[in-house]
Amino acid sequence: MLITIVSISNFVSKKSNNYNMEKEPILLHFGKQVQALRKDRNLSQEQLAELAGVHRTYIGMIERAEKNITLYNIERIAKALEVNIKDLF
């Protein structure tokens, strides 16, 4: 039996790799705002997630600009942080 190990990078195009490494500015800004407001309120990511009714890993993904968050979840996070939606932008 012959087993061949192939790097996953052989299956991912250079274009998609570059896109994944370059994060959208709006997502970066939004994530930084969420993180700053969360820290100002001495909340952990887990505590904010519980207040917002989302999974704990979701907050981390937002703060790292890995998620394109929906308007519905923006509203939930704003309410959890006790701020207006505009304060997240």
C-alpha atoms as a PDB file:
ATOM      1  CA  MET A   1       0.000   0.000   0.000  1.00  0.00           C
ATOM      2  CA  LEU A   2       1.422   3.331  -1.072  1.00  0.00           C
ATOM      3  CA  ILE A   3       0.460   6.456   0.847  1.00  0.00           C
ATOM      4  CA  THR A   4       1.202   9.831  -0.663  1.00  0.00           C
ATOM      5  CA  ILE A   5       1.191  12.956   1.452  1.00  0.00           C
ATOM      6  CA  VAL A   6       0.287  16.043  -0.526  1.00  0.00           C
ATOM      7  CA  SER A   7       0.277  19.577   0.794  1.00  0.00           C
ATOM      8  CA  ILE A   8      -3.156  21.142   0.877  1.00  0.00           C
ATOM      9  CA  SER A   9      -1.629  24.202  -0.762  1.00  0.00           C
ATOM     10  CA  ASN A  10      -1.545  22.200  -3.999  1.00  0.00           C
ATOM     11  CA  PHE A  11      -5.337  22.256  -4.005  1.00  0.00           C
ATOM     12  CA  VAL A  12      -5.824  25.927  -3.128  1.00  0.00           C
ATOM     13  CA  SER A  13      -5.248  28.509  -5.803  1.00  0.00           C
ATOM     14  CA  LYS A  14      -2.893  31.387  -5.148  1.00  0.00           C
ATOM     15  CA  LYS A  15      -5.739  33.842  -5.697  1.00  0.00           C
ATOM     16  CA  SER A  16      -7.923  32.331  -2.959  1.00  0.00           C
ATOM     17  CA  ASN A  17      -4.937  32.100  -0.628  1.00  0.00           C
ATOM     18  CA  ASN A  18      -4.221  35.818  -1.039  1.00  0.00           C
ATOM     19  CA  TYR A  19      -7.851  36.701  -0.438  1.00  0.00           C
ATOM     20  CA  ASN A  20      -7.908  34.758   2.814  1.00  0.00           C
ATOM     21  CA  MET A  21      -4.779  36.498   4.044  1.00  0.00           C
ATOM     22  CA  GLU A  22      -6.042  40.010   3.239  1.00  0.00           C
ATOM     23  CA  LYS A  23      -8.926  40.931   5.509  1.00  0.00           C
ATOM     24  CA  GLU A  24     -11.550  43.447   4.533  1.00  0.00           C
ATOM     25  CA  PRO A  25     -10.945  46.862   6.166  1.00  0.00           C
ATOM     26  CA  ILE A  26     -14.558  47.173   7.354  1.00  0.00           C
ATOM     27  CA  LEU A  27     -14.316  43.794   9.118  1.00  0.00           C
ATOM     28  CA  LEU A  28     -11.005  44.756  10.723  1.00  0.00           C
ATOM     29  CA  HIS A  29     -12.417  48.061  11.954  1.00  0.00           C
ATOM     30  CA  PHE A  30     -15.622  46.486  13.235  1.00  0.00           C
ATOM     31  CA  GLY A  31     -13.706  43.744  15.051  1.00  0.00           C
ATOM     32  CA  LYS A  32     -11.409  46.266  16.728  1.00  0.00           C
ATOM     33  CA  GLN A  33     -14.404  48.319  17.845  1.00  0.00           C
ATOM     34  CA  VAL A  34     -16.133  45.277  19.331  1.00  0.00           C
ATOM     35  CA  GLN A  35     -12.946  44.262  21.119  1.00  0.00           C
ATOM     36  CA  ALA A  36     -12.304  47.763  22.499  1.00  0.00           C
ATOM     37  CA  LEU A  37     -15.874  48.142  23.777  1.00  0.00           C
ATOM     38  CA  ARG A  38     -15.808  44.644  25.256  1.00  0.00           C
ATOM     39  CA  LYS A  39     -12.557  45.341  27.094  1.00  0.00           C
ATOM     40  CA  ASP A  40     -13.830  48.745  28.297  1.00  0.00           C
ATOM     41  CA  ARG A  41     -16.653  46.855  29.970  1.00  0.00           C
ATOM     42  CA  ASN A  42     -14.301  44.222  31.424  1.00  0.00           C
ATOM     43  CA  LEU A  43     -16.089  41.433  29.574  1.00  0.00           C
ATOM     44  CA  SER A  44     -14.482  38.265  28.312  1.00  0.00           C
ATOM     45  CA  GLN A  45     -15.352  37.044  24.833  1.00  0.00           C
ATOM     46  CA  GLU A  46     -17.362  34.288  26.481  1.00  0.00           C
ATOM     47  CA  GLN A  47     -19.327  36.759  28.624  1.00  0.00           C
ATOM     48  CA  LEU A  48     -20.119  38.968  25.634  1.00  0.00           C
ATOM     49  CA  ALA A  49     -21.189  35.937  23.629  1.00  0.00           C
ATOM     50  CA  GLU A  50     -23.566  34.886  26.383  1.00  0.00           C
ATOM     51  CA  LEU A  51     -25.072  38.379  26.622  1.00  0.00           C
ATOM     52  CA  ALA A  52     -25.485  38.540  22.844  1.00  0.00           C
ATOM     53  CA  GLY A  53     -26.812  35.004  22.496  1.00  0.00           C
ATOM     54  CA  VAL A  54     -24.073  33.800  20.170  1.00  0.00           C
ATOM     55  CA  HIS A  55     -21.416  31.096  20.437  1.00  0.00           C
ATOM     56  CA  ARG A  56     -18.272  32.079  22.332  1.00  0.00           C
ATOM     57  CA  THR A  57     -15.989  31.373  19.351  1.00  0.00           C
ATOM     58  CA  TYR A  58     -18.072  33.705  17.181  1.00  0.00           C
ATOM     59  CA  ILE A  59     -16.944  36.783  19.139  1.00  0.00           C
ATOM     60  CA  GLY A  60     -13.292  35.854  18.625  1.00  0.00           C
ATOM     61  CA  MET A  61     -13.876  35.348  14.921  1.00  0.00           C
ATOM     62  CA  ILE A  62     -15.518  38.778  14.691  1.00  0.00           C
ATOM     63  CA  GLU A  63     -12.665  40.440  16.576  1.00  0.00           C
ATOM     64  CA  ARG A  64     -10.137  38.766  14.238  1.00  0.00           C
ATOM     65  CA  ALA A  65     -12.138  39.866  11.155  1.00  0.00           C
ATOM     66  CA  GLU A  66     -12.815  36.270  10.170  1.00  0.00           C
ATOM     67  CA  LYS A  67     -16.604  36.639   9.946  1.00  0.00           C
ATOM     68  CA  ASN A  68     -18.778  38.846   7.784  1.00  0.00           C
ATOM     69  CA  ILE A  69     -21.352  39.450  10.488  1.00  0.00           C
ATOM     70  CA  THR A  70     -25.070  39.876   9.727  1.00  0.00           C
ATOM     71  CA  LEU A  71     -27.088  42.952  10.640  1.00  0.00           C
ATOM     72  CA  TYR A  72     -29.088  40.820  13.046  1.00  0.00           C
ATOM     73  CA  ASN A  73     -25.956  39.838  14.976  1.00  0.00           C
ATOM     74  CA  ILE A  74     -24.607  43.392  14.858  1.00  0.00           C
ATOM     75  CA  GLU A  75     -27.757  44.474  16.655  1.00  0.00           C
ATOM     76  CA  ARG A  76     -27.423  41.675  19.219  1.00  0.00           C
ATOM     77  CA  ILE A  77     -23.813  42.617  19.987  1.00  0.00           C
ATOM     78  CA  ALA A  78     -24.670  46.327  20.217  1.00  0.00           C
ATOM     79  CA  LYS A  79     -27.438  45.549  22.724  1.00  0.00           C
ATOM     80  CA  ALA A  80     -25.122  43.293  24.727  1.00  0.00           C
ATOM     81  CA  LEU A  81     -22.514  46.071  24.867  1.00  0.00           C
ATOM     82  CA  GLU A  82     -25.239  48.635  25.627  1.00  0.00           C
ATOM     83  CA  VAL A  83     -24.257  50.875  22.711  1.00  0.00           C
ATOM     84  CA  ASN A  84     -25.928  52.145  19.561  1.00  0.00           C
ATOM     85  CA  ILE A  85     -25.196  50.195  16.416  1.00  0.00           C
ATOM     86  CA  LYS A  86     -23.396  53.251  14.980  1.00  0.00           C
ATOM     87  CA  ASP A  87     -20.878  53.042  17.853  1.00  0.00           C
ATOM     88  CA  LEU A  88     -19.572  49.782  16.422  1.00  0.00           C
ATOM     89  CA  PHE A  89     -18.482  51.517  13.215  1.00  0.00           C
END
